Each structure stands twice: as structure tokens, then as C-alpha cells.
Amino acid sequence: MATIKVKQTKSRINCPKDQKRTLDALGLKKMNQVVEHEASPAILGMVNKVKHLVSVVE
């Protein structure tokens, strides 16, 4: 499966708790942090949920 790189581009301040937990599940704790994941449906769903806070590089 392909891998994707997910970068947090906006702050998590004033976000709902479920979005903060999603960022934690993706491994994003700080601004401009980049993590690499397999492009599985679960990961893509999490990225879609916080798409306004992250950017994706394939």
C-alpha cells in the first residue's frame, strides 16, 4: 500500500475534543510536525476528519 505524509498546518487550540484525539491518534502533537502512515481507509478517514488542520503529501 502507498504511504502518505501528514503535516499539521494549523493549531489545535479551540478545536473540539474529538478532533484533538484524532490528531493524537495520527501522532501529531505540534505544529508543522510531519508523520508518515500507510494509506489505509482508517487513516484516510482520520485525515478527512481533520482536513482543515492538516495537509497531505503523497
C-alpha atoms as a PDB file:
ATOM      1  CA  MET A   1       0.000   0.000   0.000  1.00  0.00           C
ATOM      2  CA  ALA A   2       1.109   3.573  -0.598  1.00  0.00           C
ATOM      3  CA  THR A   3       2.328   5.794   2.184  1.00  0.00           C
ATOM      4  CA  ILE A   4       1.233   9.353   2.844  1.00  0.00           C
ATOM      5  CA  LYS A   5       2.885  12.107   4.830  1.00  0.00           C
ATOM      6  CA  VAL A   6       0.565  14.153   7.020  1.00  0.00           C
ATOM      7  CA  LYS A   7       1.634  17.584   8.273  1.00  0.00           C
ATOM      8  CA  GLN A   8      -0.219  19.617  10.885  1.00  0.00           C
ATOM      9  CA  THR A   9      -0.567  23.114   9.420  1.00  0.00           C
ATOM     10  CA  LYS A  10      -2.982  24.776  11.856  1.00  0.00           C
ATOM     11  CA  SER A  11      -3.233  24.915  15.623  1.00  0.00           C
ATOM     12  CA  ARG A  12      -5.370  22.542  17.667  1.00  0.00           C
ATOM     13  CA  ILE A  13      -6.394  25.344  20.043  1.00  0.00           C
ATOM     14  CA  ASN A  14     -10.207  25.795  20.208  1.00  0.00           C
ATOM     15  CA  CYS A  15     -10.841  22.517  18.363  1.00  0.00           C
ATOM     16  CA  PRO A  16     -13.383  20.005  19.677  1.00  0.00           C
ATOM     17  CA  LYS A  17     -12.045  17.150  21.793  1.00  0.00           C
ATOM     18  CA  ASP A  18     -12.742  14.533  19.143  1.00  0.00           C
ATOM     19  CA  GLN A  19     -10.561  16.400  16.642  1.00  0.00           C
ATOM     20  CA  LYS A  20      -7.757  16.707  19.206  1.00  0.00           C
ATOM     21  CA  ARG A  21      -7.984  12.964  19.839  1.00  0.00           C
ATOM     22  CA  THR A  22      -7.847  12.323  16.096  1.00  0.00           C
ATOM     23  CA  LEU A  23      -4.665  14.395  15.821  1.00  0.00           C
ATOM     24  CA  ASP A  24      -3.209  12.420  18.742  1.00  0.00           C
ATOM     25  CA  ALA A  25      -4.144   9.145  17.039  1.00  0.00           C
ATOM     26  CA  LEU A  26      -2.344  10.296  13.908  1.00  0.00           C
ATOM     27  CA  GLY A  27       0.729  11.096  16.023  1.00  0.00           C
ATOM     28  CA  LEU A  28       0.566  14.862  15.554  1.00  0.00           C
ATOM     29  CA  LYS A  29       1.390  16.798  18.713  1.00  0.00           C
ATOM     30  CA  LYS A  30       2.943  20.042  17.434  1.00  0.00           C
ATOM     31  CA  MET A  31       2.561  22.498  14.588  1.00  0.00           C
ATOM     32  CA  ASN A  32       4.482  21.664  11.379  1.00  0.00           C
ATOM     33  CA  GLN A  33       5.128  18.114  12.578  1.00  0.00           C
ATOM     34  CA  VAL A  34       5.159  15.512   9.796  1.00  0.00           C
ATOM     35  CA  VAL A  35       4.258  11.843  10.262  1.00  0.00           C
ATOM     36  CA  GLU A  36       4.156   9.030   7.727  1.00  0.00           C
ATOM     37  CA  HIS A  37       1.338   6.465   7.585  1.00  0.00           C
ATOM     38  CA  GLU A  38       0.077   3.753   5.283  1.00  0.00           C
ATOM     39  CA  ALA A  39      -2.825   4.972   3.144  1.00  0.00           C
ATOM     40  CA  SER A  40      -5.395   2.653   4.734  1.00  0.00           C
ATOM     41  CA  PRO A  41      -9.103   3.527   4.867  1.00  0.00           C
ATOM     42  CA  ALA A  42      -8.904   4.139   8.632  1.00  0.00           C
ATOM     43  CA  ILE A  43      -6.033   6.616   8.300  1.00  0.00           C
ATOM     44  CA  LEU A  44      -7.653   8.362   5.336  1.00  0.00           C
ATOM     45  CA  GLY A  45     -10.872   8.716   7.355  1.00  0.00           C
ATOM     46  CA  MET A  46      -8.982  10.317  10.237  1.00  0.00           C
ATOM     47  CA  VAL A  47      -7.213  12.693   7.853  1.00  0.00           C
ATOM     48  CA  ASN A  48     -10.562  13.602   6.294  1.00  0.00           C
ATOM     49  CA  LYS A  49     -12.000  14.412   9.724  1.00  0.00           C
ATOM     50  CA  VAL A  50      -9.269  16.989  10.447  1.00  0.00           C
ATOM     51  CA  LYS A  51      -8.602  18.078   6.861  1.00  0.00           C
ATOM     52  CA  HIS A  52      -8.866  21.752   7.859  1.00  0.00           C
ATOM     53  CA  LEU A  53      -5.927  21.306  10.284  1.00  0.00           C
ATOM     54  CA  VAL A  54      -3.569  19.141   8.205  1.00  0.00           C
ATOM     55  CA  SER A  55      -2.091  18.863   4.734  1.00  0.00           C
ATOM     56  CA  VAL A  56      -1.216  15.635   2.933  1.00  0.00           C
ATOM     57  CA  VAL A  57       1.809  14.885   0.771  1.00  0.00           C
ATOM     58  CA  GLU A  58       1.568  11.616  -1.155  1.00  0.00           C
END
